[in-house]
Structures are given as C-alpha cells and as structure tokens.
Amino acid sequence: MHVLPGKLPVLLMGIVCITEFHVVPFVLQKDPKCGQKVHETNPWSYLNLFTRIVGGSQVKQGSHPWQVSLKRRQKHFCGGTIVSAQWVVTAAHCILERNILEYLNVTAGEHDLRIRENGEQTLPVKYVIKHPNFDPRRPMNYDIALLKLDGAFNFSSSVLPACLPDPGEKFEAGYICTTCGWGRLNENGVLPQVLYEVNLPILNRKECSRALSSLKKPIQGDTIMCAGFPDGGKDACQGDSGGPLLCQRKHGVWILAGVVSWGMGCARGWIDNEKKKYYERGSPGIFTDLSAVLSWIQENMSADLKMKSSTLLINVLLAYLGKEKERQEETIFHFVVFKMANSQTVKENYIFLEVSNSSIKTTNCVYGLYLYRKEIIYCFIFPTLI
C-alpha cells in the first residue's frame, strides 16, 4: 500500500452499520454575545468619544470582558482577547519562548492583578498557532497568534468574546478606538495592578508610513495598523502587548480591529522626529490589523471545528462496529481504510472518506472509507486526524 511521506495511515477492520447520514457544511459562526458589554464605562456617543480621549484611565471591573491576562507562572506578561469560548488572539512575539505551554495560563474576568476576584477563570493552553509569515527577526509584521485553550471559558457578565471584523470591514482614519491592558502607565514607569484603557484615533496609511519612515530603521509591513496622536501622550506600553484595539460600531458591538504589537518608546509622539536624535524619536502605536489576517484566523478556528466533527463522525462509525448484525442483507459493510486523498480532490491535509456501491470500480481516492450498500454513495471530507 502506497503511503504519502510523513503520513501514517490508520487501518481499521470491522463491521460498520449505517442507516443514514447528513453532511452539513462547516461555517464559523459568530457568537451572538460577542462584542456586547454588560458593564459600560460611559454611554456611547460621538461627543462622548471626543471627551474621553484625554489620557488613559482605570476602568470599571467588567468593562472589557474579552480582555485576558497571559500569565507566566502566575505573573502577567502580555494581554489577549477572547474571540470564542476556546480561542484567544494575542501577539506572536508574546509566545516565542520554548516550552511556553509548560507554564502559560490565560485568565479571563481579571481586573485587579493583586487579588482573585469573583468571576475570574483561568485555563491552560492546549496549543499555540503563530502566523506562518511571522519572523522573529522582523517581529513587526504578521505579529499575531492564536491560543487554543485546554478547556472552555464559561461566558458571564465579566467573561465575553469580542467580535471579529466582517470580511472587508475597515475603520477609517480618525475613528476613535480603545486599547486596554495592564501595561506601564508611562515609559519605564510602574506597572498598574488594575486594568486601564486609552482611546486612540486610527491613522491613515500615508501618515502611518511617514511616521515609521522617520525611524532609524524604517518599518514596513503588510499587516501594520497605526493609532495615536502626533504629539504623543497617549499610547499602549510594555505589558499591553497582545491586547486588543477595539472599535465600536455606531450604536453597536465592539470589534477586535487590532492587536497591540509594538512602538518606539511609549507615547513619545513623532511630529518632530526629524529634529530629534534617533534614540529619542517616537512612533504611533503599532497594531496588527485584524482585517489583514482575518481569513487566517477563521481558517484555523474553523479547521478545529471540523476536526471535532471529524472525530465525532469516526466515533459514530466505530460505535456501529459489530452492531445490528441481524440486518446483514442491507446494512453490514466490511473493510475500513483511512488514507490521504488525492490533493486534486480535496485540500492538502484533508482526508476524503468515500462510501460507495461495490460495483463502482473508480473512485477519487487512492484509498478511502468504503461502505458497500445497495445503490448508495456517501462521501465525507474532513481534516487529517493523524
């Protein structure tokens, strides 16, 4: 039997009994609760936005129920954002250490780092997915990672997901958005113990590029998004990395528009960079633009859902082994083989399972799952389990 390099086929011998299957397309659905605050800081309005951008401020407990703290041996080091009960979005540069899963935990419902509060939930991380284009030597681009939790958060008033943007959804230059975290209150300053937020305007790409080109090592990237004030004074800082940049639709939900990535100093400003020494120059706050990596996020999250459904399907098939033998004339089938499919048939790293009539000699698989039943063909496609 031919085996593709690096792939291990699974051979299962037995009797499979099936009466009927319905194959439903896999769609990554938005959580109906996403982006909805239970505890608002202030009522939303355009006028309110312009009165709230003067400096960062401590928030009420539960004001950002999607905010999480990434902890290394119980110590906060980066932020993140809940996007589903089992998934958190953060910055790739936050999770570069070897063996990080041995000590990484994610805490939701956190407000004051000094105490354990009612509603806090802490989970370990099952695995980490860094964007394949992220390069630690150029950490400003594709600075995004997904954390698959080992368990699931129970949603409550203090633990809720933020909404991912819709495909093609952009927030225009000048739109006031919010970033939050437990980062330093000023450059080289102290770390706060409670959650803070600051409101920042989105910059257009031209202004962003102009500001970054004035640095000693000009920065360019496909996923960079800038926010901040040319004169400085408002920004994210060390300890906020991986946290959210949230934009609220008018009278609507909060959207995860960006992920805190980096900046030159904290809140330095860049309007007079050319007049400053290189080490004194500042930059806008740099975020990973979620709209630029949205398809990658959705593909990885939906692939996990498919994996669960695949496992369920196999469990159903195996549960039938050896059962209902009295219906041999129609429902007893023999010989089950799992094998990688032809890449022209389905996507790479997917298994194609085919159920066909024994009289049908040609199939689209090198090896498939064959269940012989009168005049019926079943086909199942799902991600590789091995």
Protein backbone atom coordinates (compact mmCIF):
# COMPACT_ATOMS: atom_id res chain seq x y z
CA MET A 1 0.00 0.00 0.00
CA HIS A 2 1.44 3.37 -1.04
CA VAL A 3 1.86 5.84 1.85
CA LEU A 4 2.49 9.55 1.41
CA PRO A 5 5.75 10.75 3.05
CA GLY A 6 5.31 11.69 6.68
CA LYS A 7 1.75 10.35 6.82
CA LEU A 8 0.61 7.38 8.84
CA PRO A 9 -2.45 5.54 7.55
CA VAL A 10 -4.84 4.06 10.05
CA LEU A 11 -6.30 0.64 9.24
CA LEU A 12 -9.50 -0.34 10.97
CA MET A 13 -11.05 -3.74 10.31
CA GLY A 14 -14.56 -4.47 11.37
CA ILE A 15 -18.25 -4.24 10.58
CA VAL A 16 -19.93 -0.86 10.05
CA CYS A 17 -23.67 -0.41 10.22
CA ILE A 18 -25.15 2.85 8.95
CA THR A 19 -28.72 3.81 8.25
CA GLU A 20 -28.41 7.47 7.17
CA PHE A 21 -26.00 10.41 7.28
CA HIS A 22 -26.48 14.10 6.64
CA VAL A 23 -23.35 16.14 5.86
CA VAL A 24 -23.67 19.80 6.91
CA PRO A 25 -21.23 22.44 5.62
CA PHE A 26 -18.84 23.80 8.25
CA VAL A 27 -19.36 27.51 8.90
CA LEU A 28 -17.59 29.57 11.55
CA GLN A 29 -20.49 31.31 13.25
CA LYS A 30 -20.19 34.49 15.29
CA ASP A 31 -21.08 34.14 18.92
CA PRO A 32 -24.37 36.04 19.42
CA LYS A 33 -22.95 37.55 22.62
CA CYS A 34 -19.76 38.85 21.06
CA GLY A 35 -18.81 42.48 21.48
CA GLN A 36 -21.55 43.32 23.98
CA LYS A 37 -20.54 44.95 27.22
CA VAL A 38 -22.63 44.32 30.30
CA HIS A 39 -20.74 46.99 32.26
CA GLU A 40 -20.35 50.12 30.15
CA THR A 41 -17.82 52.75 31.23
CA ASN A 42 -20.00 55.51 29.79
CA PRO A 43 -22.90 55.63 27.32
CA TRP A 44 -21.64 55.63 23.75
CA SER A 45 -21.92 58.68 21.51
CA TYR A 46 -19.67 60.57 19.13
CA LEU A 47 -19.44 63.54 21.51
CA ASN A 48 -18.54 61.20 24.34
CA LEU A 49 -15.67 59.79 22.31
CA PHE A 50 -14.06 63.18 21.92
CA THR A 51 -14.31 63.94 25.63
CA ARG A 52 -12.81 60.60 26.65
CA ILE A 53 -9.57 60.68 24.61
CA VAL A 54 -7.74 62.88 27.10
CA GLY A 55 -5.44 60.36 28.75
CA GLY A 56 -5.86 56.78 29.83
CA SER A 57 -7.97 55.88 32.81
CA GLN A 58 -8.74 53.00 35.11
CA VAL A 59 -11.82 51.09 34.02
CA LYS A 60 -14.67 49.62 35.98
CA GLN A 61 -14.50 45.92 36.65
CA GLY A 62 -16.09 44.04 33.76
CA SER A 63 -15.81 46.92 31.28
CA HIS A 64 -13.73 44.79 28.92
CA PRO A 65 -14.99 41.22 29.43
CA TRP A 66 -12.95 39.99 26.42
CA GLN A 67 -9.62 41.12 27.87
CA VAL A 68 -7.41 38.34 29.22
CA SER A 69 -4.10 38.23 31.04
CA LEU A 70 -1.41 35.86 29.78
CA LYS A 71 0.50 34.64 32.81
CA ARG A 72 3.89 33.05 33.13
CA ARG A 73 3.94 31.18 36.42
CA GLN A 74 1.10 33.36 37.74
CA LYS A 75 2.78 36.62 36.62
CA HIS A 76 1.18 38.82 33.95
CA PHE A 77 3.34 39.43 30.89
CA CYS A 78 1.01 40.02 27.92
CA GLY A 79 -2.60 40.63 27.05
CA GLY A 80 -5.00 38.84 24.75
CA THR A 81 -8.59 38.89 23.54
CA ILE A 82 -11.29 36.23 23.80
CA VAL A 83 -12.87 35.57 20.40
CA SER A 84 -14.67 32.34 21.34
CA ALA A 85 -15.01 30.11 24.39
CA GLN A 86 -11.85 28.21 23.43
CA TRP A 87 -9.82 30.72 21.42
CA VAL A 88 -7.75 33.77 22.35
CA VAL A 89 -5.99 36.16 19.97
CA THR A 90 -2.64 37.61 21.05
CA ALA A 91 0.67 38.82 19.58
CA ALA A 92 3.10 36.25 18.20
CA HIS A 93 6.06 37.94 19.91
CA CYS A 94 4.42 37.21 23.27
CA ILE A 95 4.70 33.44 22.92
CA LEU A 96 8.14 32.85 21.41
CA GLU A 97 9.73 31.14 24.41
CA ARG A 98 10.48 27.45 24.16
CA ASN A 99 8.25 25.16 26.17
CA ILE A 100 5.91 28.06 26.91
CA LEU A 101 2.95 25.68 27.19
CA GLU A 102 4.51 24.22 30.33
CA TYR A 103 3.79 27.38 32.30
CA LEU A 104 1.38 29.50 30.23
CA ASN A 105 -2.09 30.18 31.62
CA VAL A 106 -4.83 32.54 30.46
CA THR A 107 -7.02 34.38 32.97
CA ALA A 108 -10.35 35.92 31.97
CA GLY A 109 -12.53 38.12 34.15
CA GLU A 110 -9.38 39.74 35.54
CA HIS A 111 -9.40 43.31 36.83
CA ASP A 112 -7.02 43.65 39.78
CA LEU A 113 -3.90 41.53 39.37
CA ARG A 114 -3.26 41.51 43.12
CA ILE A 115 -6.36 39.57 44.08
CA ARG A 116 -8.52 36.74 42.84
CA GLU A 117 -11.91 38.21 42.08
CA ASN A 118 -15.33 36.67 41.68
CA GLY A 119 -15.83 35.66 38.09
CA GLU A 120 -12.16 35.02 37.30
CA GLN A 121 -11.47 31.96 35.18
CA THR A 122 -8.02 30.55 34.44
CA LEU A 123 -7.25 27.92 31.82
CA PRO A 124 -4.06 26.35 30.45
CA VAL A 125 -3.30 26.50 26.73
CA LYS A 126 -3.59 23.35 24.64
CA TYR A 127 -1.58 24.63 21.70
CA VAL A 128 -0.36 27.82 20.02
CA ILE A 129 -0.64 28.79 16.36
CA LYS A 130 1.67 31.59 15.22
CA HIS A 131 1.07 33.15 11.83
CA PRO A 132 3.33 31.33 9.35
CA ASN A 133 4.62 34.66 7.98
CA PHE A 134 5.74 35.90 11.39
CA ASP A 135 9.52 36.25 11.55
CA PRO A 136 11.18 37.00 14.94
CA ARG A 137 13.88 38.88 13.02
CA ARG A 138 11.18 41.21 11.70
CA PRO A 139 8.62 40.99 14.51
CA MET A 140 6.53 43.96 13.44
CA ASN A 141 4.82 42.13 10.57
CA TYR A 142 2.21 39.37 11.00
CA ASP A 143 2.57 39.72 14.77
CA ILE A 144 -0.45 37.55 15.51
CA ALA A 145 -1.08 34.22 17.21
CA LEU A 146 -3.99 32.06 18.27
CA LEU A 147 -4.15 30.27 21.60
CA LYS A 148 -6.35 27.18 21.72
CA LEU A 149 -7.41 26.77 25.33
CA ASP A 150 -7.35 23.45 27.13
CA GLY A 151 -10.95 23.80 28.20
CA ALA A 152 -13.56 26.49 27.60
CA PHE A 153 -14.49 29.74 29.29
CA ASN A 154 -17.98 29.98 30.74
CA PHE A 155 -19.41 33.24 29.47
CA SER A 156 -20.77 35.64 32.07
CA SER A 157 -21.08 39.38 32.64
CA SER A 158 -17.30 39.55 33.16
CA VAL A 159 -16.20 37.00 30.52
CA LEU A 160 -17.39 37.50 26.95
CA PRO A 161 -15.84 37.39 23.46
CA ALA A 162 -15.13 40.38 21.25
CA CYS A 163 -16.42 40.19 17.69
CA LEU A 164 -14.07 39.60 14.80
CA PRO A 165 -14.49 42.11 11.96
CA ASP A 166 -16.58 41.22 8.96
CA PRO A 167 -14.63 40.45 5.77
CA GLY A 168 -13.57 43.76 4.25
CA GLU A 169 -14.63 45.76 7.31
CA LYS A 170 -12.31 48.71 7.95
CA PHE A 171 -12.35 51.58 10.40
CA GLU A 172 -11.50 54.82 8.66
CA ALA A 173 -8.74 57.24 9.63
CA GLY A 174 -9.81 59.36 12.59
CA TYR A 175 -12.11 56.72 14.04
CA ILE A 176 -11.63 56.63 17.79
CA CYS A 177 -10.89 53.16 19.13
CA THR A 178 -9.87 51.81 22.53
CA THR A 179 -6.91 49.79 23.69
CA CYS A 180 -6.57 48.39 27.18
CA GLY A 181 -4.24 46.39 29.37
CA TRP A 182 -2.06 46.20 32.44
CA GLY A 183 0.96 47.79 30.75
CA ARG A 184 3.17 50.58 32.12
CA LEU A 185 1.50 53.91 32.78
CA ASN A 186 4.44 55.72 31.17
CA GLU A 187 7.72 54.81 29.52
CA ASN A 188 9.91 52.99 32.07
CA GLY A 189 7.18 53.66 34.63
CA VAL A 190 5.43 51.40 37.08
CA LEU A 191 3.07 48.62 36.14
CA PRO A 192 -0.51 49.16 37.32
CA GLN A 193 -2.35 46.47 39.20
CA VAL A 194 -5.75 47.24 37.67
CA LEU A 195 -6.92 47.39 34.06
CA TYR A 196 -6.54 50.69 32.19
CA GLU A 197 -7.83 51.88 28.83
CA VAL A 198 -6.95 54.69 26.46
CA ASN A 199 -8.72 55.98 23.36
CA LEU A 200 -6.72 56.49 20.18
CA PRO A 201 -7.56 57.67 16.65
CA ILE A 202 -6.81 55.40 13.69
CA LEU A 203 -4.21 56.86 11.31
CA ASN A 204 -4.39 56.60 7.55
CA ARG A 205 -1.74 54.52 5.81
CA LYS A 206 0.08 57.55 4.44
CA GLU A 207 0.51 59.13 7.87
CA CYS A 208 1.48 55.78 9.35
CA SER A 209 4.13 55.16 6.68
CA ARG A 210 5.50 58.68 7.01
CA ALA A 211 5.89 58.32 10.78
CA LEU A 212 7.58 54.92 10.52
CA SER A 213 9.93 56.04 7.73
CA SER A 214 11.43 58.63 10.10
CA LEU A 215 12.82 55.95 12.42
CA LYS A 216 16.45 54.81 12.27
CA LYS A 217 15.34 51.53 10.69
CA PRO A 218 12.27 52.36 8.60
CA ILE A 219 9.47 49.87 9.13
CA GLN A 220 7.16 48.44 6.50
CA GLY A 221 4.67 45.62 6.67
CA ASP A 222 1.53 44.12 5.22
CA THR A 223 -0.37 43.91 8.50
CA ILE A 224 0.64 47.12 10.26
CA MET A 225 -2.03 49.47 11.58
CA CYS A 226 -1.20 52.76 13.35
CA ALA A 227 -3.13 54.64 16.02
CA GLY A 228 -2.22 57.58 18.21
CA PHE A 229 -1.64 61.32 18.40
CA PRO A 230 1.25 63.06 16.58
CA ASP A 231 2.14 64.95 19.76
CA GLY A 232 2.14 61.75 21.80
CA GLY A 233 0.92 61.47 25.36
CA LYS A 234 -1.47 58.57 24.73
CA ASP A 235 -0.40 55.08 23.82
CA ALA A 236 -0.09 51.43 24.76
CA CYS A 237 3.12 50.46 26.54
CA GLN A 238 5.15 47.48 27.81
CA GLY A 239 2.84 44.86 29.27
CA ASP A 240 -0.01 45.72 26.89
CA SER A 241 1.39 43.62 24.02
CA GLY A 242 -1.08 41.13 22.63
CA GLY A 243 -4.05 43.06 23.95
CA PRO A 244 -6.92 44.45 21.88
CA LEU A 245 -7.57 47.54 19.83
CA LEU A 246 -11.35 47.69 19.93
CA CYS A 247 -13.59 49.79 17.71
CA GLN A 248 -17.29 50.13 18.36
CA ARG A 249 -19.74 50.22 15.52
CA LYS A 250 -22.15 53.12 15.87
CA HIS A 251 -24.69 52.04 18.48
CA GLY A 252 -23.37 48.54 18.02
CA VAL A 253 -20.95 45.91 19.19
CA TRP A 254 -17.23 46.11 19.88
CA ILE A 255 -14.98 44.77 17.13
CA LEU A 256 -11.44 43.49 17.58
CA ALA A 257 -9.78 45.71 14.97
CA GLY A 258 -6.16 45.21 16.00
CA VAL A 259 -3.69 43.55 18.36
CA VAL A 260 -1.13 45.58 20.33
CA SER A 261 2.24 44.90 18.71
CA TRP A 262 4.96 47.47 19.36
CA GLY A 263 6.01 51.14 19.36
CA MET A 264 9.12 53.28 19.60
CA GLY A 265 9.08 54.13 23.28
CA CYS A 266 5.68 54.86 24.78
CA ALA A 267 3.53 57.85 23.81
CA ARG A 268 6.55 59.81 22.57
CA GLY A 269 4.99 61.45 19.56
CA TRP A 270 6.55 61.65 16.11
CA ILE A 271 5.59 65.04 14.69
CA ASP A 272 9.16 66.42 15.04
CA ASN A 273 11.10 63.19 14.62
CA GLU A 274 13.50 64.70 12.06
CA LYS A 275 14.66 67.21 14.66
CA LYS A 276 15.37 64.54 17.28
CA LYS A 277 18.20 62.11 17.75
CA TYR A 278 17.32 58.64 16.56
CA TYR A 279 17.07 57.20 20.07
CA GLU A 280 14.65 59.98 21.08
CA ARG A 281 12.25 59.56 18.18
CA GLY A 282 8.78 58.21 18.67
CA SER A 283 6.16 56.40 16.66
CA PRO A 284 2.42 55.82 16.67
CA GLY A 285 1.14 52.77 18.45
CA ILE A 286 1.58 49.83 16.08
CA PHE A 287 -1.12 47.18 15.94
CA THR A 288 -1.64 44.08 13.82
CA ASP A 289 -4.55 44.83 11.53
CA LEU A 290 -7.13 42.08 12.06
CA SER A 291 -8.70 42.63 8.67
CA ALA A 292 -5.36 41.67 7.07
CA VAL A 293 -5.22 38.31 8.86
CA LEU A 294 -8.93 37.59 9.25
CA SER A 295 -9.03 34.73 6.76
CA TRP A 296 -6.09 33.03 8.51
CA ILE A 297 -7.86 33.32 11.89
CA GLN A 298 -11.12 31.95 10.53
CA GLU A 299 -9.42 29.10 8.69
CA ASN A 300 -7.62 27.92 11.82
CA MET A 301 -10.64 28.25 14.08
CA SER A 302 -12.97 26.52 11.61
CA ALA A 303 -10.41 23.77 10.97
CA ASP A 304 -10.58 22.97 14.67
CA LEU A 305 -14.37 22.77 14.49
CA LYS A 306 -14.07 20.42 11.53
CA MET A 307 -11.62 18.32 13.49
CA LYS A 308 -14.14 17.94 16.29
CA SER A 309 -16.86 16.97 13.83
CA SER A 310 -14.49 14.52 12.16
CA THR A 311 -13.69 12.89 15.48
CA LEU A 312 -17.41 12.67 16.21
CA LEU A 313 -18.06 11.06 12.82
CA ILE A 314 -15.38 8.45 13.37
CA ASN A 315 -16.72 7.75 16.84
CA VAL A 316 -20.17 7.24 15.33
CA LEU A 317 -18.77 4.88 12.72
CA LEU A 318 -16.83 2.89 15.29
CA ALA A 319 -19.85 2.76 17.59
CA TYR A 320 -21.65 0.84 14.88
CA LEU A 321 -18.95 -1.80 14.59
CA GLY A 322 -20.40 -5.22 15.30
CA LYS A 323 -23.93 -3.92 15.92
CA GLU A 324 -27.21 -4.69 14.18
CA LYS A 325 -25.81 -7.83 12.57
CA GLU A 326 -29.34 -9.08 12.02
CA ARG A 327 -29.68 -6.56 9.15
CA GLN A 328 -26.85 -8.04 7.14
CA GLU A 329 -28.70 -8.01 3.86
CA GLU A 330 -28.57 -4.22 3.69
CA THR A 331 -26.51 -2.61 6.41
CA ILE A 332 -23.44 -4.75 7.04
CA PHE A 333 -20.26 -3.38 5.48
CA HIS A 334 -16.68 -4.59 5.65
CA PHE A 335 -13.16 -3.21 5.39
CA VAL A 336 -12.50 0.35 6.58
CA VAL A 337 -9.33 2.14 5.46
CA PHE A 338 -8.26 5.73 6.16
CA LYS A 339 -5.81 7.23 3.71
CA MET A 340 -4.75 10.67 2.45
CA ALA A 341 -6.78 11.69 -0.59
CA ASN A 342 -5.57 12.92 -3.93
CA SER A 343 -4.76 16.63 -3.49
CA GLN A 344 -6.72 17.39 -6.67
CA THR A 345 -9.85 16.12 -4.99
CA VAL A 346 -9.68 17.94 -1.67
CA LYS A 347 -7.36 20.35 0.07
CA GLU A 348 -3.98 19.17 1.28
CA ASN A 349 -4.01 17.63 4.75
CA TYR A 350 -7.63 16.59 4.43
CA ILE A 351 -8.97 13.05 4.46
CA PHE A 352 -11.55 12.06 1.90
CA LEU A 353 -13.84 9.30 3.11
CA GLU A 354 -15.95 7.69 0.44
CA VAL A 355 -18.84 5.30 0.78
CA SER A 356 -19.65 3.58 -2.49
CA ASN A 357 -21.51 0.72 -4.10
CA SER A 358 -19.25 -2.30 -4.57
CA SER A 359 -19.96 -2.33 -8.30
CA ILE A 360 -18.39 1.12 -8.72
CA LYS A 361 -14.77 0.49 -9.65
CA THR A 362 -13.39 4.04 -9.98
CA THR A 363 -13.08 6.45 -7.08
CA ASN A 364 -11.49 9.82 -6.42
CA CYS A 365 -9.38 8.43 -3.59
CA VAL A 366 -6.26 6.33 -3.58
CA TYR A 367 -7.74 4.75 -0.51
CA GLY A 368 -10.97 5.77 1.13
CA LEU A 369 -13.61 4.66 3.52
CA TYR A 370 -15.72 2.21 1.58
CA LEU A 371 -19.10 1.18 2.94
CA TYR A 372 -20.94 -1.06 0.49
CA ARG A 373 -24.68 -0.61 0.32
CA LYS A 374 -27.18 -1.00 -2.49
CA GLU A 375 -27.06 1.88 -4.99
CA ILE A 376 -25.79 4.42 -2.42
CA ILE A 377 -22.62 6.51 -2.34
CA TYR A 378 -21.58 8.53 0.72
CA CYS A 379 -18.66 10.97 0.73
CA PHE A 380 -17.17 12.68 3.76
CA ILE A 381 -14.37 15.27 3.73
CA PHE A 382 -12.67 16.49 6.88
CA PRO A 383 -9.22 17.45 8.26
CA THR A 384 -6.46 14.97 8.87
CA LEU A 385 -6.60 13.38 12.30
CA ILE A 386 -3.08 11.93 12.19
